[in-house]
Amino acid sequence: MKKKSGIIDISDVSIEPSELPPPINIVKTQVRPFLIVKPSAMLRLAEVRTIIQKSELLIDSEFELQDYELLTRYIYKEAPYDWMALNRRLFPHSYNQCYIFLLNKKLLRSYHLLQETKRHVRHQLGLSSITFCFQGEITSAELNHVHTPDRKDLDYEYSTICFLSSTLSIR
């Protein structure tokens, strides 16, 4: 990893900006709340699971999804090529993996509990302040380790996870 004066240089990481991924055929399904563990915390799954359980959220199922980069291209409004490059540099063994905790659908009635748990997980795992250089642009950001959708995005993101988990390798 190239570092100059505290800046992580990811300019040499090969990321080919691609066209938008093909549209997903959104199938009406019973939506379930979920939490995604990002590549940066793949080695801390047990800790995340414990935090979720102590928050008294019920985990219905869980699985590893292979192709985190494709998932991010669907769920983020702009393709996060800088974050993809950063993950490749910092987490070379897990940059394209994420872990999904599917939670009990009863949580939909009190969705704020999921958001509170996300903030608690982020606090417990810690946020990393980083500065990186990508394509000549220097950016400072906070690296967090989990994602949950805003309530308004839940249907789309859950459908995306269902689609990808049926077409990609899951463990």
C-alpha atoms as a PDB file:
ATOM      1  CA  MET A   1       0.000   0.000   0.000  1.00  0.00           C
ATOM      2  CA  LYS A   2       1.440   3.333  -0.970  1.00  0.00           C
ATOM      3  CA  LYS A   3       1.120   5.948   1.709  1.00  0.00           C
ATOM      4  CA  LYS A   4       2.330   9.489   1.377  1.00  0.00           C
ATOM      5  CA  SER A   5       1.976  11.870   4.274  1.00  0.00           C
ATOM      6  CA  GLY A   6      -0.963   9.926   5.739  1.00  0.00           C
ATOM      7  CA  ILE A   7      -2.746   9.556   2.385  1.00  0.00           C
ATOM      8  CA  ILE A   8      -3.498   6.076   1.086  1.00  0.00           C
ATOM      9  CA  ASP A   9      -2.724   6.119  -2.627  1.00  0.00           C
ATOM     10  CA  ILE A  10      -5.071   3.825  -4.529  1.00  0.00           C
ATOM     11  CA  SER A  11      -4.453   5.367  -7.934  1.00  0.00           C
ATOM     12  CA  ASP A  12      -2.742   2.202  -9.160  1.00  0.00           C
ATOM     13  CA  VAL A  13      -5.609  -0.124  -8.199  1.00  0.00           C
ATOM     14  CA  SER A  14      -7.236  -1.378 -11.360  1.00  0.00           C
ATOM     15  CA  ILE A  15     -10.967  -0.712 -11.426  1.00  0.00           C
ATOM     16  CA  GLU A  16     -12.685  -0.673 -14.762  1.00  0.00           C
ATOM     17  CA  PRO A  17     -15.667   1.639 -14.632  1.00  0.00           C
ATOM     18  CA  SER A  18     -18.388  -0.338 -16.280  1.00  0.00           C
ATOM     19  CA  GLU A  19     -21.826   0.331 -17.509  1.00  0.00           C
ATOM     20  CA  LEU A  20     -24.686   0.140 -15.087  1.00  0.00           C
ATOM     21  CA  PRO A  21     -25.510  -3.413 -14.112  1.00  0.00           C
ATOM     22  CA  PRO A  22     -28.484  -4.955 -15.877  1.00  0.00           C
ATOM     23  CA  PRO A  23     -31.855  -4.024 -14.409  1.00  0.00           C
ATOM     24  CA  ILE A  24     -33.231  -6.307 -11.760  1.00  0.00           C
ATOM     25  CA  ASN A  25     -36.672  -7.738 -12.175  1.00  0.00           C
ATOM     26  CA  ILE A  26     -38.152  -6.699  -8.843  1.00  0.00           C
ATOM     27  CA  VAL A  27     -40.347  -9.510  -7.615  1.00  0.00           C
ATOM     28  CA  LYS A  28     -42.866  -8.685  -4.940  1.00  0.00           C
ATOM     29  CA  THR A  29     -41.815 -10.665  -1.963  1.00  0.00           C
ATOM     30  CA  GLN A  30     -42.134 -10.543   1.778  1.00  0.00           C
ATOM     31  CA  VAL A  31     -39.551  -7.874   2.572  1.00  0.00           C
ATOM     32  CA  ARG A  32     -37.275  -8.493   5.514  1.00  0.00           C
ATOM     33  CA  PRO A  33     -34.945  -6.111   7.296  1.00  0.00           C
ATOM     34  CA  PHE A  34     -31.255  -6.882   7.008  1.00  0.00           C
ATOM     35  CA  LEU A  35     -27.786  -5.752   7.937  1.00  0.00           C
ATOM     36  CA  ILE A  36     -24.786  -6.059   5.602  1.00  0.00           C
ATOM     37  CA  VAL A  37     -21.315  -6.576   7.022  1.00  0.00           C
ATOM     38  CA  LYS A  38     -18.878  -4.937   4.611  1.00  0.00           C
ATOM     39  CA  PRO A  39     -15.499  -6.383   3.554  1.00  0.00           C
ATOM     40  CA  SER A  40     -13.716  -4.379   6.260  1.00  0.00           C
ATOM     41  CA  ALA A  41     -15.401  -6.394   9.026  1.00  0.00           C
ATOM     42  CA  MET A  42     -15.478  -9.880   7.541  1.00  0.00           C
ATOM     43  CA  LEU A  43     -13.016 -11.021  10.212  1.00  0.00           C
ATOM     44  CA  ARG A  44     -15.318  -9.663  12.925  1.00  0.00           C
ATOM     45  CA  LEU A  45     -18.553 -11.504  12.086  1.00  0.00           C
ATOM     46  CA  ALA A  46     -18.848 -13.139  15.495  1.00  0.00           C
ATOM     47  CA  GLU A  47     -18.573  -9.739  17.154  1.00  0.00           C
ATOM     48  CA  VAL A  48     -21.260  -8.262  14.889  1.00  0.00           C
ATOM     49  CA  ARG A  49     -23.537 -11.259  15.499  1.00  0.00           C
ATOM     50  CA  THR A  50     -23.123 -10.839  19.268  1.00  0.00           C
ATOM     51  CA  ILE A  51     -23.957  -7.130  19.099  1.00  0.00           C
ATOM     52  CA  ILE A  52     -27.095  -7.871  17.068  1.00  0.00           C
ATOM     53  CA  GLN A  53     -28.174 -10.581  19.494  1.00  0.00           C
ATOM     54  CA  LYS A  54     -27.545  -8.360  22.527  1.00  0.00           C
ATOM     55  CA  SER A  55     -29.721  -5.730  20.844  1.00  0.00           C
ATOM     56  CA  GLU A  56     -32.460  -8.376  20.993  1.00  0.00           C
ATOM     57  CA  LEU A  57     -32.959  -8.392  17.230  1.00  0.00           C
ATOM     58  CA  LEU A  58     -33.805 -11.854  15.942  1.00  0.00           C
ATOM     59  CA  ILE A  59     -31.585 -13.211  13.178  1.00  0.00           C
ATOM     60  CA  ASP A  60     -33.682 -15.432  10.900  1.00  0.00           C
ATOM     61  CA  SER A  61     -30.836 -16.427   8.588  1.00  0.00           C
ATOM     62  CA  GLU A  62     -27.418 -15.332   7.459  1.00  0.00           C
ATOM     63  CA  PHE A  63     -25.116 -15.951   4.526  1.00  0.00           C
ATOM     64  CA  GLU A  64     -21.993 -14.730   2.809  1.00  0.00           C
ATOM     65  CA  LEU A  65     -22.480 -13.067  -0.569  1.00  0.00           C
ATOM     66  CA  GLN A  66     -19.716 -13.253  -3.139  1.00  0.00           C
ATOM     67  CA  ASP A  67     -19.560 -10.072  -5.271  1.00  0.00           C
ATOM     68  CA  TYR A  68     -19.886  -7.138  -2.937  1.00  0.00           C
ATOM     69  CA  GLU A  69     -18.749  -4.858  -5.759  1.00  0.00           C
ATOM     70  CA  LEU A  70     -21.765  -5.778  -7.875  1.00  0.00           C
ATOM     71  CA  LEU A  71     -24.068  -5.292  -4.905  1.00  0.00           C
ATOM     72  CA  THR A  72     -22.693  -1.791  -4.305  1.00  0.00           C
ATOM     73  CA  ARG A  73     -23.243  -0.896  -7.956  1.00  0.00           C
ATOM     74  CA  TYR A  74     -26.929  -1.677  -7.455  1.00  0.00           C
ATOM     75  CA  ILE A  75     -27.590  -0.137  -4.051  1.00  0.00           C
ATOM     76  CA  TYR A  76     -25.589   3.077  -4.234  1.00  0.00           C
ATOM     77  CA  LYS A  77     -26.815   5.862  -6.479  1.00  0.00           C
ATOM     78  CA  GLU A  78     -23.382   6.442  -8.014  1.00  0.00           C
ATOM     79  CA  ALA A  79     -21.001   3.555  -8.575  1.00  0.00           C
ATOM     80  CA  PRO A  80     -18.486   3.793  -5.724  1.00  0.00           C
ATOM     81  CA  TYR A  81     -15.337   3.026  -7.723  1.00  0.00           C
ATOM     82  CA  ASP A  82     -13.148   4.862  -5.206  1.00  0.00           C
ATOM     83  CA  TRP A  83     -14.479   2.664  -2.377  1.00  0.00           C
ATOM     84  CA  MET A  84     -14.057  -0.459  -4.495  1.00  0.00           C
ATOM     85  CA  ALA A  85     -10.410   0.465  -5.089  1.00  0.00           C
ATOM     86  CA  LEU A  86      -9.927   1.254  -1.405  1.00  0.00           C
ATOM     87  CA  ASN A  87     -11.417  -2.107  -0.374  1.00  0.00           C
ATOM     88  CA  ARG A  88      -9.148  -3.879  -2.855  1.00  0.00           C
ATOM     89  CA  ARG A  89      -6.105  -2.130  -1.371  1.00  0.00           C
ATOM     90  CA  LEU A  90      -6.968  -2.479   2.327  1.00  0.00           C
ATOM     91  CA  PHE A  91      -8.768  -5.850   2.340  1.00  0.00           C
ATOM     92  CA  PRO A  92      -7.242  -7.901  -0.489  1.00  0.00           C
ATOM     93  CA  HIS A  93      -8.663 -11.211   0.779  1.00  0.00           C
ATOM     94  CA  SER A  94     -12.223 -10.047   1.427  1.00  0.00           C
ATOM     95  CA  TYR A  95     -12.766  -6.959  -0.767  1.00  0.00           C
ATOM     96  CA  ASN A  96     -15.477  -8.666  -2.788  1.00  0.00           C
ATOM     97  CA  GLN A  97     -17.267 -10.430   0.049  1.00  0.00           C
ATOM     98  CA  CYS A  98     -19.960  -9.308   2.398  1.00  0.00           C
ATOM     99  CA  TYR A  99     -22.149 -11.005   4.933  1.00  0.00           C
ATOM    100  CA  ILE A 100     -25.898 -10.612   5.188  1.00  0.00           C
ATOM    101  CA  PHE A 101     -27.903 -10.966   8.379  1.00  0.00           C
ATOM    102  CA  LEU A 102     -31.595 -11.352   7.523  1.00  0.00           C
ATOM    103  CA  LEU A 103     -33.594 -10.230  10.521  1.00  0.00           C
ATOM    104  CA  ASN A 104     -37.066 -11.066  11.697  1.00  0.00           C
ATOM    105  CA  LYS A 105     -39.777  -9.283   9.717  1.00  0.00           C
ATOM    106  CA  LYS A 106     -41.462  -8.108  12.953  1.00  0.00           C
ATOM    107  CA  LEU A 107     -38.706  -5.495  13.038  1.00  0.00           C
ATOM    108  CA  LEU A 108     -40.485  -3.714  10.179  1.00  0.00           C
ATOM    109  CA  ARG A 109     -42.977  -2.344  12.723  1.00  0.00           C
ATOM    110  CA  SER A 110     -40.161  -0.681  14.672  1.00  0.00           C
ATOM    111  CA  TYR A 111     -37.571  -0.064  11.977  1.00  0.00           C
ATOM    112  CA  HIS A 112     -35.818   2.565  14.079  1.00  0.00           C
ATOM    113  CA  LEU A 113     -34.433  -0.282  16.227  1.00  0.00           C
ATOM    114  CA  LEU A 114     -32.475  -1.546  13.229  1.00  0.00           C
ATOM    115  CA  GLN A 115     -31.033   1.916  12.612  1.00  0.00           C
ATOM    116  CA  GLU A 116     -30.099   2.190  16.297  1.00  0.00           C
ATOM    117  CA  THR A 117     -28.414  -1.216  16.142  1.00  0.00           C
ATOM    118  CA  LYS A 118     -26.483  -0.170  13.041  1.00  0.00           C
ATOM    119  CA  ARG A 119     -25.192   2.906  14.877  1.00  0.00           C
ATOM    120  CA  HIS A 120     -24.320   0.748  17.896  1.00  0.00           C
ATOM    121  CA  VAL A 121     -22.404  -1.768  15.734  1.00  0.00           C
ATOM    122  CA  ARG A 122     -20.530   1.080  14.053  1.00  0.00           C
ATOM    123  CA  HIS A 123     -19.656   2.535  17.447  1.00  0.00           C
ATOM    124  CA  GLN A 124     -18.502  -0.818  18.844  1.00  0.00           C
ATOM    125  CA  LEU A 125     -16.389  -1.685  15.788  1.00  0.00           C
ATOM    126  CA  GLY A 126     -15.132   1.859  15.495  1.00  0.00           C
ATOM    127  CA  LEU A 127     -14.962   4.201  12.556  1.00  0.00           C
ATOM    128  CA  SER A 128     -11.664   4.731  10.792  1.00  0.00           C
ATOM    129  CA  SER A 129     -10.844   8.177   9.509  1.00  0.00           C
ATOM    130  CA  ILE A 130      -8.978   7.778   6.253  1.00  0.00           C
ATOM    131  CA  THR A 131      -7.630  10.002   3.539  1.00  0.00           C
ATOM    132  CA  PHE A 132      -7.044   8.513   0.134  1.00  0.00           C
ATOM    133  CA  CYS A 133      -6.080   9.554  -3.367  1.00  0.00           C
ATOM    134  CA  PHE A 134      -8.034   8.127  -6.303  1.00  0.00           C
ATOM    135  CA  GLN A 135      -7.718   9.354  -9.874  1.00  0.00           C
ATOM    136  CA  GLY A 136      -5.847  12.426  -8.672  1.00  0.00           C
ATOM    137  CA  GLU A 137      -8.508  13.465  -6.172  1.00  0.00           C
ATOM    138  CA  ILE A 138      -7.805  13.432  -2.435  1.00  0.00           C
ATOM    139  CA  THR A 139     -10.764  12.446  -0.266  1.00  0.00           C
ATOM    140  CA  SER A 140     -11.204  12.215   3.496  1.00  0.00           C
ATOM    141  CA  ALA A 141     -13.899   9.907   4.807  1.00  0.00           C
ATOM    142  CA  GLU A 142     -15.035   7.694   7.648  1.00  0.00           C
ATOM    143  CA  LEU A 143     -14.774   3.980   6.949  1.00  0.00           C
ATOM    144  CA  ASN A 144     -17.658   2.134   8.587  1.00  0.00           C
ATOM    145  CA  HIS A 145     -18.245  -1.581   8.603  1.00  0.00           C
ATOM    146  CA  VAL A 146     -21.988  -2.210   8.232  1.00  0.00           C
ATOM    147  CA  HIS A 147     -24.897  -1.062   6.100  1.00  0.00           C
ATOM    148  CA  THR A 148     -28.643  -1.091   6.548  1.00  0.00           C
ATOM    149  CA  PRO A 149     -30.949   0.624   4.081  1.00  0.00           C
ATOM    150  CA  ASP A 150     -33.053   3.624   4.877  1.00  0.00           C
ATOM    151  CA  ARG A 151     -36.675   2.513   5.227  1.00  0.00           C
ATOM    152  CA  LYS A 152     -37.583   4.059   1.862  1.00  0.00           C
ATOM    153  CA  ASP A 153     -34.900   1.926   0.131  1.00  0.00           C
ATOM    154  CA  LEU A 154     -35.622  -1.349   1.922  1.00  0.00           C
ATOM    155  CA  ASP A 155     -37.856  -2.942  -0.750  1.00  0.00           C
ATOM    156  CA  TYR A 156     -35.377  -2.272  -3.554  1.00  0.00           C
ATOM    157  CA  GLU A 157     -32.269  -3.293  -1.609  1.00  0.00           C
ATOM    158  CA  TYR A 158     -33.886  -6.438  -0.237  1.00  0.00           C
ATOM    159  CA  SER A 159     -35.027  -7.428  -3.742  1.00  0.00           C
ATOM    160  CA  THR A 160     -31.489  -6.812  -4.970  1.00  0.00           C
ATOM    161  CA  ILE A 161     -30.043  -9.092  -2.309  1.00  0.00           C
ATOM    162  CA  CYS A 162     -32.618 -11.777  -3.157  1.00  0.00           C
ATOM    163  CA  PHE A 163     -31.764 -11.506  -6.852  1.00  0.00           C
ATOM    164  CA  LEU A 164     -28.011 -11.623  -6.304  1.00  0.00           C
ATOM    165  CA  SER A 165     -28.160 -14.431  -3.759  1.00  0.00           C
ATOM    166  CA  SER A 166     -30.045 -16.540  -6.289  1.00  0.00           C
ATOM    167  CA  THR A 167     -27.542 -15.879  -9.098  1.00  0.00           C
ATOM    168  CA  LEU A 168     -24.201 -15.603  -7.274  1.00  0.00           C
ATOM    169  CA  SER A 169     -22.225 -17.856  -5.009  1.00  0.00           C
ATOM    170  CA  ILE A 170     -23.395 -17.751  -1.408  1.00  0.00           C
ATOM    171  CA  ARG A 171     -22.043 -19.640   1.577  1.00  0.00           C
END
